[in-house]
């Protein structure tokens, strides 16, 4: 179980880190924009249920690629911060 992240992450890189190693970009935001476009395109034509399934599969694939549980714990805590539990949930 992860605990809420109350201090800056020690292991998780939260700085922009998109791109292809060795490639240079005219503007630093361009690789992040390219990723966002790819992510939106991957959802096009899917039902809400299919989109949720694809998103869950993507999270699991990327988590497996990262592998380091310290990084994953920090990412979970940071993503969860500010998200209120559902009514009646704990």
N, C-alpha and C. Protein backbone atom coordinates (compact mmCIF):
# COMPACT_ATOMS: atom_id res chain seq x y z
N UNK A 1 0.85 -1.19 0.00
CA UNK A 1 0.00 0.00 0.00
C UNK A 1 0.89 1.24 0.00
N UNK A 2 0.57 2.18 -0.84
CA UNK A 2 1.37 3.40 -0.89
C UNK A 2 0.84 4.41 0.10
N UNK A 3 1.75 5.25 0.59
CA UNK A 3 1.33 6.32 1.47
C UNK A 3 1.28 7.61 0.67
N UNK A 4 0.49 8.59 1.12
CA UNK A 4 0.42 9.85 0.38
C UNK A 4 1.80 10.50 0.32
N UNK A 5 2.12 11.03 -0.83
CA UNK A 5 3.40 11.69 -1.02
C UNK A 5 3.30 13.09 -0.43
N UNK A 6 4.05 13.32 0.66
CA UNK A 6 4.00 14.63 1.32
C UNK A 6 5.29 15.41 1.14
N UNK A 7 6.31 14.76 0.61
CA UNK A 7 7.58 15.42 0.32
C UNK A 7 7.87 15.26 -1.17
N UNK A 8 8.78 16.06 -1.69
CA UNK A 8 9.12 15.89 -3.11
C UNK A 8 9.60 14.47 -3.39
N UNK A 9 9.28 13.93 -4.55
CA UNK A 9 9.71 12.56 -4.87
C UNK A 9 11.24 12.45 -4.86
N UNK A 10 11.73 11.35 -4.34
CA UNK A 10 13.18 11.11 -4.32
C UNK A 10 13.62 10.28 -5.51
N UNK A 11 12.74 9.46 -6.05
CA UNK A 11 13.12 8.53 -7.10
C UNK A 11 12.42 8.82 -8.43
N UNK A 12 11.26 9.42 -8.37
CA UNK A 12 10.44 9.67 -9.56
C UNK A 12 10.88 10.98 -10.22
N UNK A 13 11.19 10.92 -11.49
CA UNK A 13 11.53 12.12 -12.26
C UNK A 13 10.23 12.80 -12.67
N UNK A 14 9.99 14.00 -12.15
CA UNK A 14 8.76 14.73 -12.50
C UNK A 14 9.06 15.90 -13.45
N UNK A 15 10.29 15.99 -13.92
CA UNK A 15 10.65 17.01 -14.90
C UNK A 15 10.32 16.49 -16.29
N UNK A 16 10.02 17.38 -17.25
CA UNK A 16 9.75 16.91 -18.62
C UNK A 16 10.90 16.03 -19.11
N UNK A 17 10.53 14.86 -19.63
CA UNK A 17 11.54 13.86 -19.99
C UNK A 17 11.17 13.14 -21.28
N UNK A 18 10.44 13.79 -22.16
CA UNK A 18 10.00 13.16 -23.40
C UNK A 18 11.04 13.38 -24.48
N UNK A 19 11.12 12.47 -25.40
CA UNK A 19 12.01 12.63 -26.54
C UNK A 19 12.63 11.31 -26.94
N UNK A 20 13.48 11.39 -27.92
CA UNK A 20 14.25 10.25 -28.39
C UNK A 20 15.71 10.58 -28.11
N UNK A 21 16.41 9.72 -27.36
CA UNK A 21 17.80 10.02 -27.02
C UNK A 21 18.62 10.39 -28.26
N UNK A 22 19.35 11.47 -28.15
CA UNK A 22 20.20 11.92 -29.23
C UNK A 22 19.54 12.89 -30.19
N UNK A 23 18.22 12.98 -30.16
CA UNK A 23 17.52 13.92 -31.05
C UNK A 23 17.39 15.27 -30.36
N UNK A 24 17.48 16.31 -31.17
CA UNK A 24 17.31 17.67 -30.66
C UNK A 24 15.99 18.21 -31.19
N UNK A 25 15.37 19.08 -30.42
CA UNK A 25 14.07 19.62 -30.78
C UNK A 25 14.15 21.13 -30.82
N UNK A 26 13.40 21.71 -31.73
CA UNK A 26 13.40 23.17 -31.87
C UNK A 26 12.90 23.86 -30.60
N UNK A 27 11.85 23.27 -29.99
CA UNK A 27 11.28 23.79 -28.75
C UNK A 27 11.21 22.65 -27.74
N UNK A 28 11.49 22.91 -26.47
CA UNK A 28 11.53 21.83 -25.49
C UNK A 28 10.18 21.15 -25.26
N UNK A 29 9.08 21.82 -25.59
CA UNK A 29 7.76 21.21 -25.36
C UNK A 29 7.35 20.27 -26.49
N UNK A 30 8.04 20.28 -27.60
CA UNK A 30 7.61 19.50 -28.78
C UNK A 30 7.51 18.00 -28.52
N UNK A 31 8.48 17.35 -27.85
CA UNK A 31 8.32 15.91 -27.63
C UNK A 31 7.13 15.57 -26.74
N UNK A 32 6.85 16.40 -25.73
CA UNK A 32 5.68 16.17 -24.88
C UNK A 32 4.39 16.30 -25.66
N UNK A 33 4.33 17.29 -26.55
CA UNK A 33 3.16 17.45 -27.41
C UNK A 33 2.99 16.24 -28.33
N UNK A 34 4.09 15.73 -28.83
CA UNK A 34 4.03 14.56 -29.72
C UNK A 34 3.49 13.34 -28.97
N UNK A 35 3.94 13.16 -27.73
CA UNK A 35 3.42 12.05 -26.93
C UNK A 35 1.91 12.21 -26.70
N UNK A 36 1.49 13.41 -26.31
CA UNK A 36 0.08 13.65 -26.05
C UNK A 36 -0.75 13.35 -27.30
N UNK A 37 -0.28 13.79 -28.47
CA UNK A 37 -0.99 13.49 -29.72
C UNK A 37 -1.11 11.99 -29.95
N UNK A 38 -0.04 11.26 -29.67
CA UNK A 38 -0.07 9.80 -29.84
C UNK A 38 -1.04 9.15 -28.87
N UNK A 39 -1.06 9.65 -27.64
CA UNK A 39 -1.96 9.08 -26.64
C UNK A 39 -3.42 9.33 -27.01
N UNK A 40 -3.74 10.54 -27.44
CA UNK A 40 -5.11 10.86 -27.86
C UNK A 40 -5.49 10.02 -29.07
N UNK A 41 -4.59 9.89 -30.03
CA UNK A 41 -4.87 9.10 -31.24
C UNK A 41 -5.13 7.64 -30.91
N UNK A 42 -4.43 7.11 -29.91
CA UNK A 42 -4.62 5.71 -29.53
C UNK A 42 -6.02 5.45 -28.99
N UNK A 43 -6.69 6.48 -28.46
CA UNK A 43 -8.04 6.34 -27.92
C UNK A 43 -9.13 6.55 -28.97
N UNK A 44 -8.77 7.14 -30.10
CA UNK A 44 -9.76 7.43 -31.14
C UNK A 44 -10.43 6.17 -31.65
N UNK A 45 -11.74 6.22 -31.76
CA UNK A 45 -12.50 5.09 -32.29
C UNK A 45 -12.81 4.01 -31.27
N UNK A 46 -12.38 4.19 -30.04
CA UNK A 46 -12.67 3.20 -28.99
C UNK A 46 -13.87 3.64 -28.18
N UNK A 47 -14.63 2.67 -27.70
CA UNK A 47 -15.70 2.97 -26.76
C UNK A 47 -15.06 3.38 -25.43
N UNK A 48 -15.86 3.92 -24.51
CA UNK A 48 -15.33 4.28 -23.19
C UNK A 48 -14.72 3.06 -22.51
N UNK A 49 -15.39 1.92 -22.61
CA UNK A 49 -14.90 0.69 -21.98
C UNK A 49 -13.58 0.25 -22.62
N UNK A 50 -13.50 0.28 -23.95
CA UNK A 50 -12.26 -0.08 -24.64
C UNK A 50 -11.13 0.89 -24.30
N UNK A 51 -11.46 2.17 -24.20
CA UNK A 51 -10.47 3.18 -23.87
C UNK A 51 -9.93 2.96 -22.46
N UNK A 52 -10.81 2.66 -21.51
CA UNK A 52 -10.37 2.38 -20.14
C UNK A 52 -9.46 1.15 -20.10
N UNK A 53 -9.81 0.12 -20.86
CA UNK A 53 -9.00 -1.09 -20.91
C UNK A 53 -7.63 -0.80 -21.51
N UNK A 54 -7.60 -0.05 -22.61
CA UNK A 54 -6.33 0.28 -23.24
C UNK A 54 -5.46 1.10 -22.29
N UNK A 55 -6.08 2.05 -21.58
CA UNK A 55 -5.34 2.90 -20.64
C UNK A 55 -4.77 2.06 -19.50
N UNK A 56 -5.54 1.12 -18.99
CA UNK A 56 -5.06 0.24 -17.92
C UNK A 56 -3.90 -0.63 -18.41
N UNK A 57 -4.02 -1.14 -19.61
CA UNK A 57 -2.94 -1.96 -20.18
C UNK A 57 -1.68 -1.13 -20.37
N UNK A 58 -1.84 0.11 -20.82
CA UNK A 58 -0.69 0.99 -21.00
C UNK A 58 0.01 1.26 -19.67
N UNK A 59 -0.77 1.53 -18.62
CA UNK A 59 -0.20 1.77 -17.29
C UNK A 59 0.60 0.55 -16.83
N UNK A 60 0.04 -0.65 -17.00
CA UNK A 60 0.73 -1.85 -16.56
C UNK A 60 2.00 -2.12 -17.38
N UNK A 61 1.94 -1.88 -18.69
CA UNK A 61 3.13 -2.05 -19.53
C UNK A 61 4.24 -1.09 -19.12
N UNK A 62 3.89 0.17 -18.90
CA UNK A 62 4.89 1.16 -18.51
C UNK A 62 5.41 0.89 -17.10
N UNK A 63 4.53 0.46 -16.19
CA UNK A 63 4.97 0.12 -14.83
C UNK A 63 5.96 -1.04 -14.87
N UNK A 64 5.68 -2.03 -15.69
CA UNK A 64 6.60 -3.15 -15.83
C UNK A 64 7.94 -2.68 -16.39
N UNK A 65 7.90 -1.78 -17.34
CA UNK A 65 9.14 -1.24 -17.93
C UNK A 65 9.96 -0.49 -16.88
N UNK A 66 9.29 0.30 -16.05
CA UNK A 66 9.98 1.04 -14.99
C UNK A 66 10.54 0.07 -13.96
N UNK A 67 9.67 -0.79 -13.43
CA UNK A 67 10.10 -1.86 -12.55
C UNK A 67 10.44 -1.47 -11.13
N UNK A 68 11.06 -0.35 -10.90
CA UNK A 68 11.52 0.06 -9.57
C UNK A 68 10.31 0.43 -8.71
N UNK A 69 10.06 -0.38 -7.68
CA UNK A 69 8.88 -0.16 -6.85
C UNK A 69 8.91 1.17 -6.12
N UNK A 70 10.09 1.70 -5.84
CA UNK A 70 10.17 3.02 -5.20
C UNK A 70 9.61 4.09 -6.14
N UNK A 71 9.97 4.01 -7.40
CA UNK A 71 9.47 4.96 -8.39
C UNK A 71 7.97 4.81 -8.55
N UNK A 72 7.51 3.57 -8.65
CA UNK A 72 6.09 3.31 -8.84
C UNK A 72 5.27 3.76 -7.63
N UNK A 73 5.78 3.54 -6.41
CA UNK A 73 5.08 4.00 -5.21
C UNK A 73 4.93 5.52 -5.22
N UNK A 74 5.99 6.22 -5.59
CA UNK A 74 5.92 7.68 -5.65
C UNK A 74 4.95 8.15 -6.73
N UNK A 75 4.96 7.48 -7.87
CA UNK A 75 4.05 7.85 -8.95
C UNK A 75 2.59 7.64 -8.54
N UNK A 76 2.31 6.53 -7.89
CA UNK A 76 0.94 6.26 -7.43
C UNK A 76 0.50 7.32 -6.43
N UNK A 77 1.36 7.61 -5.47
CA UNK A 77 1.01 8.61 -4.44
C UNK A 77 0.79 9.98 -5.06
N UNK A 78 1.65 10.37 -5.99
CA UNK A 78 1.52 11.67 -6.64
C UNK A 78 0.25 11.74 -7.49
N UNK A 79 -0.06 10.68 -8.22
CA UNK A 79 -1.26 10.65 -9.05
C UNK A 79 -2.52 10.68 -8.19
N UNK A 80 -2.47 10.06 -7.03
CA UNK A 80 -3.63 9.98 -6.14
C UNK A 80 -3.86 11.27 -5.37
N UNK A 81 -2.79 12.05 -5.17
CA UNK A 81 -2.92 13.28 -4.38
C UNK A 81 -3.95 14.20 -5.02
N UNK A 82 -4.86 14.70 -4.22
CA UNK A 82 -5.85 15.64 -4.69
C UNK A 82 -7.07 14.99 -5.33
N UNK A 83 -7.08 13.66 -5.41
CA UNK A 83 -8.23 12.95 -5.96
C UNK A 83 -9.05 12.44 -4.79
N UNK A 84 -10.25 12.96 -4.64
CA UNK A 84 -11.10 12.57 -3.52
C UNK A 84 -11.66 11.17 -3.75
N UNK A 85 -11.74 10.36 -2.68
CA UNK A 85 -12.36 9.05 -2.83
C UNK A 85 -13.85 9.19 -3.17
N UNK A 86 -14.39 8.18 -3.80
CA UNK A 86 -15.80 8.16 -4.15
C UNK A 86 -16.63 8.21 -2.89
N UNK A 87 -17.81 8.79 -3.01
CA UNK A 87 -18.71 8.85 -1.83
C UNK A 87 -18.96 7.45 -1.32
N UNK A 88 -18.87 7.31 0.01
CA UNK A 88 -19.07 6.01 0.63
C UNK A 88 -17.83 5.14 0.61
N UNK A 89 -16.77 5.58 -0.12
CA UNK A 89 -15.52 4.82 -0.18
C UNK A 89 -14.62 5.22 0.96
N UNK A 90 -13.66 4.37 1.21
CA UNK A 90 -12.71 4.67 2.30
C UNK A 90 -11.45 5.27 1.73
